[in-house]
Amino acid sequence: MKPVVRKWLLWMLGLALLGILLWWALRKAPLAEIWATIQELQLWEIAVILAVNLFLYILVTLRWWIIVQAEAKRLPYFPLLGVRVAVFGISYFTLGPQVGGEPLQVFLLQRKYGLSFTRAVASVLLDKLLEFLVDFLLLGLGLTAVLRAGILTENSLQLTASWVGLLFLVLIPPHSSFSSL
């Protein structure tokens, strides 16, 4: 098979797969309710939602780019932003806790930017560890806010158990991250 025909077939197969995934994701979605909710939004509200999402994509990619810079100093930022958006797209369509795009990160770092498999995996793992650490810290802050508001406590025994749970949530990620160093 000619390389051009093979490339075209792979491209068509990828588009077909994306179409199937899109159909699968939208088949049970309440599209009428979603559209009604979107129509109730003001234009400035939509702009704020899009701006916040763009800002978060930029920050998450910046964190990963800083990690990758340790190995590949000349790696440009903006192509990695595209990779990150693709990774989020893949993770969105996977079942479970919305992970699955990480192999694409490793693959593209190897294929497009020439990083070794080990270094590409290390950069993705470090990025994920930092993300989990921030998630657990935010969970701890949220739990602290709930406890300080008195929502979960009715007596001092429950308060003590809640603080022990909070301590467990906050200390476990850093401990497990640093114990492997």
N, C-alpha and C. Protein backbone atom coordinates (compact mmCIF):
# COMPACT_ATOMS: atom_id res chain seq x y z
N MET A 1 0.84 -1.18 0.00
CA MET A 1 0.00 0.00 0.00
C MET A 1 0.89 1.24 0.00
N LYS A 2 0.53 2.23 -0.80
CA LYS A 2 1.31 3.46 -0.89
C LYS A 2 1.20 4.25 0.42
N PRO A 3 2.29 4.95 0.76
CA PRO A 3 2.27 5.71 2.02
C PRO A 3 1.16 6.77 2.07
N VAL A 4 0.85 7.38 0.94
CA VAL A 4 -0.19 8.42 0.93
C VAL A 4 -1.56 7.80 1.19
N VAL A 5 -1.82 6.65 0.57
CA VAL A 5 -3.10 5.97 0.76
C VAL A 5 -3.20 5.47 2.20
N ARG A 6 -2.11 4.94 2.72
CA ARG A 6 -2.10 4.44 4.09
C ARG A 6 -2.36 5.58 5.08
N LYS A 7 -1.72 6.72 4.86
CA LYS A 7 -1.92 7.87 5.73
C LYS A 7 -3.37 8.35 5.66
N TRP A 8 -3.93 8.37 4.46
CA TRP A 8 -5.32 8.79 4.27
C TRP A 8 -6.27 7.83 4.99
N LEU A 9 -6.02 6.53 4.88
CA LEU A 9 -6.86 5.54 5.54
C LEU A 9 -6.79 5.67 7.07
N LEU A 10 -5.59 5.90 7.58
CA LEU A 10 -5.45 6.10 9.02
C LEU A 10 -6.19 7.35 9.48
N TRP A 11 -6.11 8.41 8.67
CA TRP A 11 -6.82 9.65 8.98
C TRP A 11 -8.33 9.41 9.00
N MET A 12 -8.85 8.69 8.03
CA MET A 12 -10.28 8.39 7.96
C MET A 12 -10.71 7.49 9.12
N LEU A 13 -9.87 6.53 9.47
CA LEU A 13 -10.17 5.66 10.60
C LEU A 13 -10.22 6.47 11.89
N GLY A 14 -9.30 7.39 12.06
CA GLY A 14 -9.30 8.26 13.24
C GLY A 14 -10.56 9.12 13.30
N LEU A 15 -10.96 9.68 12.15
CA LEU A 15 -12.19 10.49 12.13
C LEU A 15 -13.42 9.65 12.44
N ALA A 16 -13.46 8.42 11.91
CA ALA A 16 -14.58 7.53 12.20
C ALA A 16 -14.63 7.19 13.69
N LEU A 17 -13.47 6.93 14.27
CA LEU A 17 -13.41 6.64 15.70
C LEU A 17 -13.88 7.84 16.52
N LEU A 18 -13.45 9.04 16.14
CA LEU A 18 -13.91 10.24 16.84
C LEU A 18 -15.42 10.42 16.71
N GLY A 19 -15.95 10.12 15.53
CA GLY A 19 -17.40 10.21 15.33
C GLY A 19 -18.16 9.23 16.21
N ILE A 20 -17.65 8.02 16.30
CA ILE A 20 -18.28 7.01 17.16
C ILE A 20 -18.22 7.44 18.62
N LEU A 21 -17.08 7.95 19.05
CA LEU A 21 -16.95 8.41 20.43
C LEU A 21 -17.89 9.59 20.72
N LEU A 22 -18.02 10.49 19.77
CA LEU A 22 -18.92 11.62 19.95
C LEU A 22 -20.36 11.15 20.05
N TRP A 23 -20.75 10.22 19.18
CA TRP A 23 -22.11 9.67 19.25
C TRP A 23 -22.33 8.99 20.59
N TRP A 24 -21.35 8.20 21.04
CA TRP A 24 -21.48 7.47 22.29
C TRP A 24 -21.62 8.43 23.48
N ALA A 25 -20.87 9.53 23.44
CA ALA A 25 -20.93 10.50 24.54
C ALA A 25 -22.25 11.26 24.55
N LEU A 26 -22.82 11.51 23.39
CA LEU A 26 -24.02 12.34 23.30
C LEU A 26 -25.33 11.54 23.23
N ARG A 27 -25.26 10.23 23.11
CA ARG A 27 -26.48 9.45 22.87
C ARG A 27 -27.49 9.54 24.00
N LYS A 28 -27.06 9.69 25.23
CA LYS A 28 -27.99 9.77 26.36
C LYS A 28 -27.99 11.14 27.02
N ALA A 29 -27.29 12.07 26.40
CA ALA A 29 -27.23 13.42 26.98
C ALA A 29 -28.57 14.14 26.76
N PRO A 30 -29.04 14.85 27.76
CA PRO A 30 -30.29 15.60 27.61
C PRO A 30 -30.04 16.89 26.82
N LEU A 31 -29.91 16.77 25.52
CA LEU A 31 -29.51 17.90 24.68
C LEU A 31 -30.49 19.06 24.74
N ALA A 32 -31.77 18.76 24.83
CA ALA A 32 -32.77 19.84 24.89
C ALA A 32 -32.61 20.66 26.17
N GLU A 33 -32.36 19.98 27.28
CA GLU A 33 -32.16 20.69 28.55
C GLU A 33 -30.86 21.48 28.54
N ILE A 34 -29.82 20.90 27.96
CA ILE A 34 -28.54 21.60 27.87
C ILE A 34 -28.70 22.85 27.02
N TRP A 35 -29.37 22.73 25.88
CA TRP A 35 -29.57 23.87 25.01
C TRP A 35 -30.42 24.95 25.69
N ALA A 36 -31.43 24.54 26.44
CA ALA A 36 -32.26 25.51 27.16
C ALA A 36 -31.45 26.25 28.21
N THR A 37 -30.56 25.55 28.88
CA THR A 37 -29.72 26.19 29.88
C THR A 37 -28.75 27.17 29.23
N ILE A 38 -28.17 26.77 28.12
CA ILE A 38 -27.23 27.66 27.41
C ILE A 38 -27.95 28.91 26.92
N GLN A 39 -29.17 28.77 26.45
CA GLN A 39 -29.92 29.92 25.97
C GLN A 39 -30.25 30.91 27.09
N GLU A 40 -30.33 30.44 28.32
CA GLU A 40 -30.60 31.32 29.45
C GLU A 40 -29.38 32.14 29.86
N LEU A 41 -28.19 31.73 29.44
CA LEU A 41 -26.97 32.45 29.80
C LEU A 41 -26.84 33.74 29.00
N GLN A 42 -26.30 34.74 29.67
CA GLN A 42 -25.97 35.97 28.98
C GLN A 42 -24.64 35.79 28.24
N LEU A 43 -24.37 36.61 27.25
CA LEU A 43 -23.14 36.50 26.48
C LEU A 43 -21.91 36.69 27.37
N TRP A 44 -21.98 37.60 28.32
CA TRP A 44 -20.84 37.82 29.20
C TRP A 44 -20.59 36.62 30.10
N GLU A 45 -21.64 35.89 30.48
CA GLU A 45 -21.47 34.69 31.30
C GLU A 45 -20.77 33.59 30.51
N ILE A 46 -21.13 33.44 29.27
CA ILE A 46 -20.46 32.46 28.41
C ILE A 46 -19.00 32.85 28.22
N ALA A 47 -18.75 34.14 28.03
CA ALA A 47 -17.36 34.61 27.87
C ALA A 47 -16.54 34.34 29.13
N VAL A 48 -17.13 34.54 30.29
CA VAL A 48 -16.41 34.28 31.55
C VAL A 48 -16.11 32.79 31.69
N ILE A 49 -17.07 31.94 31.39
CA ILE A 49 -16.85 30.49 31.47
C ILE A 49 -15.72 30.06 30.53
N LEU A 50 -15.76 30.56 29.30
CA LEU A 50 -14.71 30.22 28.34
C LEU A 50 -13.35 30.76 28.77
N ALA A 51 -13.32 31.97 29.31
CA ALA A 51 -12.06 32.57 29.75
C ALA A 51 -11.46 31.81 30.92
N VAL A 52 -12.29 31.42 31.87
CA VAL A 52 -11.79 30.64 33.03
C VAL A 52 -11.24 29.30 32.57
N ASN A 53 -11.96 28.63 31.66
CA ASN A 53 -11.47 27.35 31.15
C ASN A 53 -10.16 27.51 30.39
N LEU A 54 -10.06 28.54 29.56
CA LEU A 54 -8.82 28.79 28.84
C LEU A 54 -7.67 29.07 29.80
N PHE A 55 -7.94 29.86 30.82
CA PHE A 55 -6.92 30.17 31.83
C PHE A 55 -6.44 28.89 32.52
N LEU A 56 -7.37 28.00 32.87
CA LEU A 56 -6.98 26.76 33.53
C LEU A 56 -6.17 25.86 32.59
N TYR A 57 -6.55 25.78 31.32
CA TYR A 57 -5.76 25.01 30.35
C TYR A 57 -4.34 25.57 30.26
N ILE A 58 -4.25 26.89 30.23
CA ILE A 58 -2.93 27.54 30.13
C ILE A 58 -2.09 27.23 31.37
N LEU A 59 -2.68 27.30 32.55
CA LEU A 59 -1.93 27.02 33.79
C LEU A 59 -1.49 25.56 33.88
N VAL A 60 -2.38 24.64 33.56
CA VAL A 60 -2.05 23.22 33.64
C VAL A 60 -0.94 22.88 32.63
N THR A 61 -1.03 23.44 31.46
CA THR A 61 0.00 23.20 30.45
C THR A 61 1.32 23.84 30.87
N LEU A 62 1.25 25.01 31.47
CA LEU A 62 2.46 25.68 31.95
C LEU A 62 3.19 24.83 32.98
N ARG A 63 2.44 24.20 33.89
CA ARG A 63 3.06 23.32 34.88
C ARG A 63 3.79 22.16 34.19
N TRP A 64 3.13 21.54 33.23
CA TRP A 64 3.74 20.41 32.52
C TRP A 64 4.93 20.88 31.69
N TRP A 65 4.82 22.04 31.06
CA TRP A 65 5.90 22.57 30.23
C TRP A 65 7.14 22.84 31.08
N ILE A 66 6.95 23.36 32.29
CA ILE A 66 8.09 23.61 33.18
C ILE A 66 8.77 22.29 33.54
N ILE A 67 7.99 21.26 33.78
CA ILE A 67 8.57 19.94 34.07
C ILE A 67 9.36 19.42 32.88
N VAL A 68 8.77 19.53 31.69
CA VAL A 68 9.43 19.02 30.47
C VAL A 68 10.68 19.83 30.16
N GLN A 69 10.71 21.10 30.53
CA GLN A 69 11.87 21.95 30.27
C GLN A 69 13.14 21.44 30.94
N ALA A 70 13.01 20.64 31.97
CA ALA A 70 14.19 20.07 32.62
C ALA A 70 14.97 19.18 31.65
N GLU A 71 14.29 18.57 30.69
CA GLU A 71 14.95 17.68 29.73
C GLU A 71 15.09 18.33 28.35
N ALA A 72 14.08 19.04 27.91
CA ALA A 72 14.06 19.58 26.55
C ALA A 72 13.90 21.09 26.62
N LYS A 73 15.02 21.79 26.71
CA LYS A 73 14.99 23.25 26.90
C LYS A 73 14.34 24.00 25.73
N ARG A 74 14.42 23.47 24.54
CA ARG A 74 13.91 24.19 23.37
C ARG A 74 12.48 23.81 22.99
N LEU A 75 11.83 23.06 23.81
CA LEU A 75 10.47 22.62 23.51
C LEU A 75 9.52 23.81 23.61
N PRO A 76 8.79 24.13 22.54
CA PRO A 76 7.89 25.29 22.58
C PRO A 76 6.65 25.03 23.43
N TYR A 77 6.12 26.11 23.99
CA TYR A 77 4.97 26.01 24.89
C TYR A 77 3.67 25.75 24.14
N PHE A 78 3.39 26.51 23.10
CA PHE A 78 2.07 26.48 22.47
C PHE A 78 1.72 25.14 21.84
N PRO A 79 2.65 24.41 21.21
CA PRO A 79 2.26 23.06 20.75
C PRO A 79 1.88 22.13 21.91
N LEU A 80 2.51 22.30 23.06
CA LEU A 80 2.14 21.49 24.21
C LEU A 80 0.73 21.83 24.70
N LEU A 81 0.31 23.08 24.50
CA LEU A 81 -1.05 23.45 24.86
C LEU A 81 -2.05 22.66 24.02
N GLY A 82 -1.76 22.49 22.73
CA GLY A 82 -2.61 21.66 21.88
C GLY A 82 -2.62 20.21 22.31
N VAL A 83 -1.45 19.70 22.71
CA VAL A 83 -1.36 18.33 23.21
C VAL A 83 -2.22 18.19 24.45
N ARG A 84 -2.15 19.15 25.33
CA ARG A 84 -2.89 19.09 26.59
C ARG A 84 -4.40 19.10 26.35
N VAL A 85 -4.86 19.90 25.41
CA VAL A 85 -6.29 19.93 25.09
C VAL A 85 -6.72 18.58 24.52
N ALA A 86 -5.88 17.97 23.67
CA ALA A 86 -6.19 16.65 23.13
C ALA A 86 -6.24 15.60 24.24
N VAL A 87 -5.33 15.71 25.19
CA VAL A 87 -5.30 14.78 26.32
C VAL A 87 -6.57 14.90 27.15
N PHE A 88 -7.02 16.13 27.41
CA PHE A 88 -8.26 16.32 28.15
C PHE A 88 -9.44 15.73 27.37
N GLY A 89 -9.42 15.88 26.05
CA GLY A 89 -10.49 15.30 25.23
C GLY A 89 -10.54 13.79 25.35
N ILE A 90 -9.39 13.15 25.29
CA ILE A 90 -9.35 11.69 25.42
C ILE A 90 -9.77 11.28 26.82
N SER A 91 -9.29 11.97 27.81
CA SER A 91 -9.65 11.63 29.19
C SER A 91 -11.14 11.78 29.43
N TYR A 92 -11.77 12.73 28.76
CA TYR A 92 -13.20 12.94 28.92
C TYR A 92 -14.00 11.74 28.45
N PHE A 93 -13.53 11.08 27.36
CA PHE A 93 -14.28 9.98 26.78
C PHE A 93 -13.98 8.63 27.42
N THR A 94 -13.00 8.56 28.30
CA THR A 94 -12.70 7.27 28.93
C THR A 94 -13.65 7.02 30.09
N LEU A 95 -13.90 5.76 30.35
CA LEU A 95 -14.76 5.39 31.45
C LEU A 95 -13.99 5.53 32.76
N GLY A 96 -14.70 5.74 33.82
CA GLY A 96 -14.06 5.78 35.13
C GLY A 96 -13.67 7.19 35.53
N PRO A 97 -12.49 7.32 36.16
CA PRO A 97 -12.12 8.60 36.78
C PRO A 97 -11.51 9.60 35.80
N GLN A 98 -11.84 9.50 34.55
CA GLN A 98 -11.40 10.44 33.51
C GLN A 98 -9.89 10.57 33.42
N VAL A 99 -9.24 9.44 33.27
CA VAL A 99 -7.83 9.40 32.92
C VAL A 99 -7.72 8.56 31.66
N GLY A 100 -6.65 8.65 30.97
CA GLY A 100 -6.48 7.88 29.74
C GLY A 100 -5.74 8.65 28.67
N GLY A 101 -5.65 9.96 28.82
CA GLY A 101 -4.93 10.75 27.85
C GLY A 101 -3.43 10.76 28.07
N GLU A 102 -2.99 10.27 29.21
CA GLU A 102 -1.56 10.30 29.54
C GLU A 102 -0.70 9.52 28.55
N PRO A 103 -1.16 8.35 28.05
CA PRO A 103 -0.34 7.68 27.03
C PRO A 103 -0.13 8.55 25.78
N LEU A 104 -1.12 9.36 25.44
CA LEU A 104 -0.95 10.28 24.31
C LEU A 104 0.13 11.32 24.62
N GLN A 105 0.18 11.80 25.84
CA GLN A 105 1.23 12.75 26.23
C GLN A 105 2.60 12.12 26.04
N VAL A 106 2.76 10.90 26.52
CA VAL A 106 4.04 10.20 26.39
C VAL A 106 4.37 9.97 24.92
N PHE A 107 3.39 9.49 24.16
CA PHE A 107 3.60 9.21 22.74
C PHE A 107 4.04 10.45 21.97
N LEU A 108 3.36 11.56 22.20
CA LEU A 108 3.70 12.78 21.46
C LEU A 108 5.03 13.37 21.90
N LEU A 109 5.36 13.27 23.19
CA LEU A 109 6.68 13.73 23.62
C LEU A 109 7.78 12.91 22.96
N GLN A 110 7.55 11.62 22.80
CA GLN A 110 8.54 10.78 22.13
C GLN A 110 8.60 11.07 20.64
N ARG A 111 7.45 11.01 19.99
CA ARG A 111 7.42 11.07 18.53
C ARG A 111 7.70 12.46 17.98
N LYS A 112 7.07 13.47 18.54
CA LYS A 112 7.21 14.82 17.99
C LYS A 112 8.43 15.56 18.52
N TYR A 113 8.82 15.27 19.77
CA TYR A 113 9.85 16.10 20.39
C TYR A 113 11.11 15.33 20.77
N GLY A 114 11.14 14.03 20.48
CA GLY A 114 12.36 13.25 20.64
C GLY A 114 12.78 12.91 22.05
N LEU A 115 11.89 13.01 23.02
CA LEU A 115 12.24 12.61 24.38
C LEU A 115 12.25 11.09 24.47
N SER A 116 13.09 10.57 25.31
CA SER A 116 13.11 9.12 25.52
C SER A 116 11.82 8.71 26.24
N PHE A 117 11.49 7.44 26.13
CA PHE A 117 10.28 6.92 26.78
C PHE A 117 10.33 7.18 28.28
N THR A 118 11.47 6.91 28.88
CA THR A 118 11.61 7.07 30.33
C THR A 118 11.40 8.51 30.75
N ARG A 119 11.99 9.45 30.03
CA ARG A 119 11.86 10.87 30.40
C ARG A 119 10.44 11.38 30.14
N ALA A 120 9.84 10.91 29.06
CA ALA A 120 8.47 11.32 28.76
C ALA A 120 7.52 10.81 29.85
N VAL A 121 7.66 9.55 30.23
CA VAL A 121 6.82 8.99 31.29
C VAL A 121 7.07 9.71 32.61
N ALA A 122 8.33 9.99 32.91
CA ALA A 122 8.65 10.69 34.15
C ALA A 122 8.00 12.06 34.20
N SER A 123 8.01 12.78 33.09
CA SER A 123 7.40 14.12 33.09
C SER A 123 5.90 14.04 33.30
N VAL A 124 5.26 13.07 32.68
CA VAL A 124 3.81 12.93 32.83
C VAL A 124 3.46 12.48 34.26
N LEU A 125 4.24 11.55 34.81
CA LEU A 125 3.98 11.09 36.17
C LEU A 125 4.17 12.22 37.19
N LEU A 126 5.23 13.00 37.02
CA LEU A 126 5.46 14.11 37.94
C LEU A 126 4.33 15.14 37.84
N ASP A 127 3.88 15.40 36.64
CA ASP A 127 2.78 16.32 36.44
C ASP A 127 1.52 15.80 37.13
N LYS A 128 1.23 14.51 36.99
CA LYS A 128 0.06 13.92 37.63
C LYS A 128 0.19 13.92 39.15
N LEU A 129 1.40 13.65 39.66
CA LEU A 129 1.59 13.69 41.11
C LEU A 129 1.34 15.08 41.67
N LEU A 130 1.81 16.10 40.97
CA LEU A 130 1.54 17.47 41.42
C LEU A 130 0.05 17.78 41.37
N GLU A 131 -0.62 17.30 40.33
CA GLU A 131 -2.06 17.51 40.21
C GLU A 131 -2.80 16.84 41.36
N PHE A 132 -2.43 15.60 41.69
CA PHE A 132 -3.08 14.90 42.80
C PHE A 132 -2.79 15.59 44.12
N LEU A 133 -1.59 16.08 44.30
CA LEU A 133 -1.24 16.79 45.53
C LEU A 133 -2.13 18.02 45.70
N VAL A 134 -2.29 18.78 44.64
CA VAL A 134 -3.15 19.97 44.70
C VAL A 134 -4.60 19.56 44.95
N ASP A 135 -5.04 18.47 44.31
CA ASP A 135 -6.41 17.99 44.54
C ASP A 135 -6.64 17.65 46.01
N PHE A 136 -5.69 16.95 46.61
CA PHE A 136 -5.85 16.57 48.01
C PHE A 136 -5.76 17.78 48.93
N LEU A 137 -4.91 18.73 48.60
CA LEU A 137 -4.84 19.94 49.42
C LEU A 137 -6.15 20.73 49.34
N LEU A 138 -6.72 20.83 48.14
CA LEU A 138 -8.01 21.52 48.01
C LEU A 138 -9.12 20.76 48.71
N LEU A 139 -9.06 19.44 48.66
CA LEU A 139 -10.03 18.63 49.40
C LEU A 139 -9.90 18.89 50.89
N GLY A 140 -8.68 18.97 51.37
CA GLY A 140 -8.44 19.28 52.78
C GLY A 140 -8.96 20.66 53.16
N LEU A 141 -8.73 21.64 52.29
CA LEU A 141 -9.25 22.99 52.56
C LEU A 141 -10.77 23.01 52.59
N GLY A 142 -11.37 22.29 51.65
CA GLY A 142 -12.83 22.22 51.62
C GLY A 142 -13.40 21.55 52.85
N LEU A 143 -12.76 20.45 53.27
CA LEU A 143 -13.19 19.77 54.47
C LEU A 143 -13.02 20.66 55.71
N THR A 144 -11.92 21.40 55.73
CA THR A 144 -11.70 22.34 56.84
C THR A 144 -12.81 23.39 56.87
N ALA A 145 -13.17 23.91 55.72
CA ALA A 145 -14.24 24.92 55.66
C ALA A 145 -15.56 24.34 56.14
N VAL A 146 -15.85 23.10 55.76
CA VAL A 146 -17.09 22.45 56.19
C VAL A 146 -17.07 22.25 57.70
N LEU A 147 -15.94 21.83 58.22
CA LEU A 147 -15.84 21.61 59.67
C LEU A 147 -15.95 22.92 60.44
N ARG A 148 -15.32 23.96 59.93
CA ARG A 148 -15.35 25.26 60.63
C ARG A 148 -16.77 25.84 60.60
N ALA A 149 -17.53 25.51 59.56
CA ALA A 149 -18.90 26.01 59.48
C ALA A 149 -19.83 25.21 60.39
N GLY A 150 -19.34 24.07 60.90
CA GLY A 150 -20.15 23.27 61.82
C GLY A 150 -21.18 22.40 61.13
N ILE A 151 -21.01 22.16 59.86
CA ILE A 151 -22.01 21.39 59.11
C ILE A 151 -21.98 19.92 59.50
N LEU A 152 -20.79 19.36 59.72
CA LEU A 152 -20.68 17.93 59.99
C LEU A 152 -20.66 17.57 61.47
N THR A 153 -20.52 18.52 62.33
CA THR A 153 -20.32 18.17 63.74
C THR A 153 -21.58 18.42 64.56
N GLU A 154 -21.84 17.44 65.43
CA GLU A 154 -22.91 17.61 66.40
C GLU A 154 -22.36 17.45 67.81
N ASN A 155 -21.24 16.74 67.92
CA ASN A 155 -20.62 16.62 69.23
C ASN A 155 -19.10 16.58 69.07
N SER A 156 -18.38 16.62 70.17
CA SER A 156 -16.93 16.73 70.11
C SER A 156 -16.27 15.46 69.57
N LEU A 157 -16.89 14.29 69.74
CA LEU A 157 -16.32 13.05 69.20
C LEU A 157 -16.30 13.08 67.68
N GLN A 158 -17.37 13.55 67.08
CA GLN A 158 -17.41 13.68 65.63
C GLN A 158 -16.39 14.70 65.15
N LEU A 159 -16.21 15.78 65.88
CA LEU A 159 -15.24 16.80 65.51
C LEU A 159 -13.83 16.21 65.52
N THR A 160 -13.50 15.44 66.53
CA THR A 160 -12.18 14.81 66.62
C THR A 160 -11.98 13.84 65.46
N ALA A 161 -12.98 13.03 65.16
CA ALA A 161 -12.88 12.08 64.05
C ALA A 161 -12.73 12.83 62.72
N SER A 162 -13.41 13.94 62.60
CA SER A 162 -13.31 14.73 61.36
C SER A 162 -11.91 15.30 61.19
N TRP A 163 -11.33 15.79 62.29
CA TRP A 163 -9.97 16.34 62.19
C TRP A 163 -8.95 15.24 61.88
N VAL A 164 -9.14 14.05 62.42
CA VAL A 164 -8.25 12.93 62.10
C VAL A 164 -8.37 12.59 60.62
N GLY A 165 -9.59 12.57 60.10
CA GLY A 165 -9.79 12.32 58.67
C GLY A 165 -9.15 13.38 57.81
N LEU A 166 -9.27 14.62 58.21
CA LEU A 166 -8.63 15.72 57.48
C LEU A 166 -7.12 15.57 57.49
N LEU A 167 -6.56 15.26 58.64
CA LEU A 167 -5.11 15.07 58.74
C LEU A 167 -4.65 13.93 57.83
N PHE A 168 -5.42 12.86 57.81
CA PHE A 168 -5.11 11.72 56.94
C PHE A 168 -5.11 12.14 55.47
N LEU A 169 -6.15 12.88 55.06
CA LEU A 169 -6.25 13.30 53.65
C LEU A 169 -5.11 14.21 53.23
N VAL A 170 -4.71 15.10 54.12
CA VAL A 170 -3.68 16.07 53.76
C VAL A 170 -2.28 15.48 53.81
N LEU A 171 -2.01 14.59 54.75
CA LEU A 171 -0.65 14.08 54.91
C LEU A 171 -0.31 12.88 54.03
N ILE A 172 -1.28 12.12 53.59
CA ILE A 172 -0.98 10.93 52.80
C ILE A 172 -0.33 11.25 51.46
N PRO A 173 -0.84 12.17 50.64
CA PRO A 173 -0.18 12.41 49.34
C PRO A 173 1.27 12.88 49.45
N PRO A 174 1.61 13.86 50.31
CA PRO A 174 3.02 14.24 50.37
C PRO A 174 3.90 13.11 50.90
N HIS A 175 3.39 12.36 51.86
CA HIS A 175 4.18 11.26 52.41
C HIS A 175 4.47 10.22 51.33
N SER A 176 3.44 9.84 50.55
CA SER A 176 3.64 8.82 49.52
C SER A 176 4.49 9.35 48.38
N SER A 177 4.43 10.66 48.11
CA SER A 177 5.23 11.24 47.04
C SER A 177 6.71 11.28 47.42
N PHE A 178 7.01 11.64 48.68
CA PHE A 178 8.38 11.79 49.08
C PHE A 178 9.03 10.48 49.52
N SER A 179 8.22 9.49 49.86
CA SER A 179 8.82 8.23 50.30
C SER A 179 9.47 7.48 49.16
N SER A 180 9.09 7.78 47.92
CA SER A 180 9.71 7.10 46.78
C SER A 180 10.99 7.79 46.31
N LEU A 181 11.31 8.97 46.87
CA LEU A 181 12.53 9.68 46.45
C LEU A 181 13.78 9.10 47.04
